[in-house]
Amino acid sequence: MGFFDSLAKIAVGAGKAAGKKVGEYNAENARLREKYESYGDSSLLSALRSTSSMQERTAIFSVLRGRGYSDEDMKERMRNG
């Protein structure tokens, strides 16, 4: 059973590392959402157009959804400025 014990330890270690990364990602998303909550809608849409960071885009989309924008609304406003 030595092989399987070692394999289990590796799997547990990988799971802990992945869980830590997810926690860090979620904490950063919460920080970004809090940052963007104070922005006006037009500033958020401008930031959405200018950022290449997927994590920032996710946070901005989240704030705009919370304000009642649909995904289609946001896409349309991004295209038309």
C-alpha atoms as a PDB file:
ATOM      1  CA  MET A   1       0.000   0.000   0.000  1.00  0.00           C
ATOM      2  CA  GLY A   2       3.029   2.324   0.073  1.00  0.00           C
ATOM      3  CA  PHE A   3       2.448   3.464  -3.516  1.00  0.00           C
ATOM      4  CA  PHE A   4      -1.202   4.308  -2.878  1.00  0.00           C
ATOM      5  CA  ASP A   5      -0.364   6.090   0.387  1.00  0.00           C
ATOM      6  CA  SER A   6       2.142   8.249  -1.493  1.00  0.00           C
ATOM      7  CA  LEU A   7      -0.362   8.876  -4.265  1.00  0.00           C
ATOM      8  CA  ALA A   8      -2.990   9.928  -1.707  1.00  0.00           C
ATOM      9  CA  LYS A   9      -0.558  12.351  -0.050  1.00  0.00           C
ATOM     10  CA  ILE A  10       0.239  13.927  -3.422  1.00  0.00           C
ATOM     11  CA  ALA A  11      -3.456  14.271  -4.230  1.00  0.00           C
ATOM     12  CA  VAL A  12      -4.201  15.861  -0.847  1.00  0.00           C
ATOM     13  CA  GLY A  13      -1.307  18.295  -1.290  1.00  0.00           C
ATOM     14  CA  ALA A  14      -2.498  19.252  -4.765  1.00  0.00           C
ATOM     15  CA  GLY A  15      -6.034  19.745  -3.470  1.00  0.00           C
ATOM     16  CA  LYS A  16      -4.832  22.035  -0.675  1.00  0.00           C
ATOM     17  CA  ALA A  17      -2.747  24.097  -3.109  1.00  0.00           C
ATOM     18  CA  ALA A  18      -5.678  24.426  -5.507  1.00  0.00           C
ATOM     19  CA  GLY A  19      -7.980  25.425  -2.645  1.00  0.00           C
ATOM     20  CA  LYS A  20      -5.531  28.111  -1.556  1.00  0.00           C
ATOM     21  CA  LYS A  21      -5.361  29.522  -5.106  1.00  0.00           C
ATOM     22  CA  VAL A  22      -9.167  29.582  -5.368  1.00  0.00           C
ATOM     23  CA  GLY A  23      -9.347  31.420  -2.055  1.00  0.00           C
ATOM     24  CA  GLU A  24      -6.799  33.989  -3.242  1.00  0.00           C
ATOM     25  CA  TYR A  25      -8.683  34.447  -6.530  1.00  0.00           C
ATOM     26  CA  ASN A  26     -12.003  34.952  -4.694  1.00  0.00           C
ATOM     27  CA  ALA A  27     -10.433  37.457  -2.295  1.00  0.00           C
ATOM     28  CA  GLU A  28      -9.024  39.457  -5.220  1.00  0.00           C
ATOM     29  CA  ASN A  29     -12.412  39.392  -6.973  1.00  0.00           C
ATOM     30  CA  ALA A  30     -14.094  40.714  -3.817  1.00  0.00           C
ATOM     31  CA  ARG A  31     -11.478  43.488  -3.564  1.00  0.00           C
ATOM     32  CA  LEU A  32     -11.996  44.464  -7.206  1.00  0.00           C
ATOM     33  CA  ARG A  33     -15.800  44.436  -6.907  1.00  0.00           C
ATOM     34  CA  GLU A  34     -15.540  46.693  -3.865  1.00  0.00           C
ATOM     35  CA  LYS A  35     -13.227  49.024  -5.804  1.00  0.00           C
ATOM     36  CA  TYR A  36     -15.585  49.226  -8.778  1.00  0.00           C
ATOM     37  CA  GLU A  37     -18.765  49.700  -6.707  1.00  0.00           C
ATOM     38  CA  SER A  38     -17.929  53.398  -6.363  1.00  0.00           C
ATOM     39  CA  TYR A  39     -17.565  53.906 -10.145  1.00  0.00           C
ATOM     40  CA  GLY A  40     -20.409  55.326 -12.199  1.00  0.00           C
ATOM     41  CA  ASP A  41     -21.913  53.214 -14.981  1.00  0.00           C
ATOM     42  CA  SER A  42     -20.129  55.090 -17.788  1.00  0.00           C
ATOM     43  CA  SER A  43     -16.784  54.771 -15.967  1.00  0.00           C
ATOM     44  CA  LEU A  44     -17.360  51.045 -15.514  1.00  0.00           C
ATOM     45  CA  LEU A  45     -18.152  50.589 -19.195  1.00  0.00           C
ATOM     46  CA  SER A  46     -15.048  52.581 -20.115  1.00  0.00           C
ATOM     47  CA  ALA A  47     -12.907  50.449 -17.773  1.00  0.00           C
ATOM     48  CA  LEU A  48     -14.468  47.336 -19.275  1.00  0.00           C
ATOM     49  CA  ARG A  49     -13.412  48.457 -22.756  1.00  0.00           C
ATOM     50  CA  SER A  50      -9.875  49.363 -21.707  1.00  0.00           C
ATOM     51  CA  THR A  51      -8.809  46.477 -19.452  1.00  0.00           C
ATOM     52  CA  SER A  52      -7.358  43.222 -20.682  1.00  0.00           C
ATOM     53  CA  SER A  53      -7.420  41.607 -17.229  1.00  0.00           C
ATOM     54  CA  MET A  54     -10.050  38.868 -17.137  1.00  0.00           C
ATOM     55  CA  GLN A  55     -10.267  39.169 -13.376  1.00  0.00           C
ATOM     56  CA  GLU A  56     -11.008  42.902 -13.603  1.00  0.00           C
ATOM     57  CA  ARG A  57     -13.517  42.325 -16.409  1.00  0.00           C
ATOM     58  CA  THR A  58     -15.264  39.694 -14.282  1.00  0.00           C
ATOM     59  CA  ALA A  59     -15.515  42.114 -11.351  1.00  0.00           C
ATOM     60  CA  ILE A  60     -16.850  44.922 -13.574  1.00  0.00           C
ATOM     61  CA  PHE A  61     -19.421  42.615 -15.175  1.00  0.00           C
ATOM     62  CA  SER A  62     -20.506  41.551 -11.687  1.00  0.00           C
ATOM     63  CA  VAL A  63     -21.025  45.145 -10.536  1.00  0.00           C
ATOM     64  CA  LEU A  64     -22.951  46.048 -13.698  1.00  0.00           C
ATOM     65  CA  ARG A  65     -25.149  42.944 -13.396  1.00  0.00           C
ATOM     66  CA  GLY A  66     -25.911  44.008  -9.853  1.00  0.00           C
ATOM     67  CA  ARG A  67     -27.109  47.328 -11.248  1.00  0.00           C
ATOM     68  CA  GLY A  68     -29.531  45.598 -13.590  1.00  0.00           C
ATOM     69  CA  TYR A  69     -27.502  45.385 -16.803  1.00  0.00           C
ATOM     70  CA  SER A  70     -27.823  42.186 -18.812  1.00  0.00           C
ATOM     71  CA  ASP A  71     -24.872  40.657 -20.644  1.00  0.00           C
ATOM     72  CA  GLU A  72     -26.415  41.828 -23.919  1.00  0.00           C
ATOM     73  CA  ASP A  73     -26.776  45.396 -22.588  1.00  0.00           C
ATOM     74  CA  MET A  74     -23.095  45.466 -21.654  1.00  0.00           C
ATOM     75  CA  LYS A  75     -21.945  44.011 -24.978  1.00  0.00           C
ATOM     76  CA  GLU A  76     -24.035  46.523 -26.899  1.00  0.00           C
ATOM     77  CA  ARG A  77     -22.738  49.469 -24.875  1.00  0.00           C
ATOM     78  CA  MET A  78     -19.158  48.254 -25.319  1.00  0.00           C
ATOM     79  CA  ARG A  79     -19.603  48.129 -29.095  1.00  0.00           C
ATOM     80  CA  ASN A  80     -21.319  51.495 -29.378  1.00  0.00           C
ATOM     81  CA  GLY A  81     -19.470  53.377 -26.694  1.00  0.00           C
END
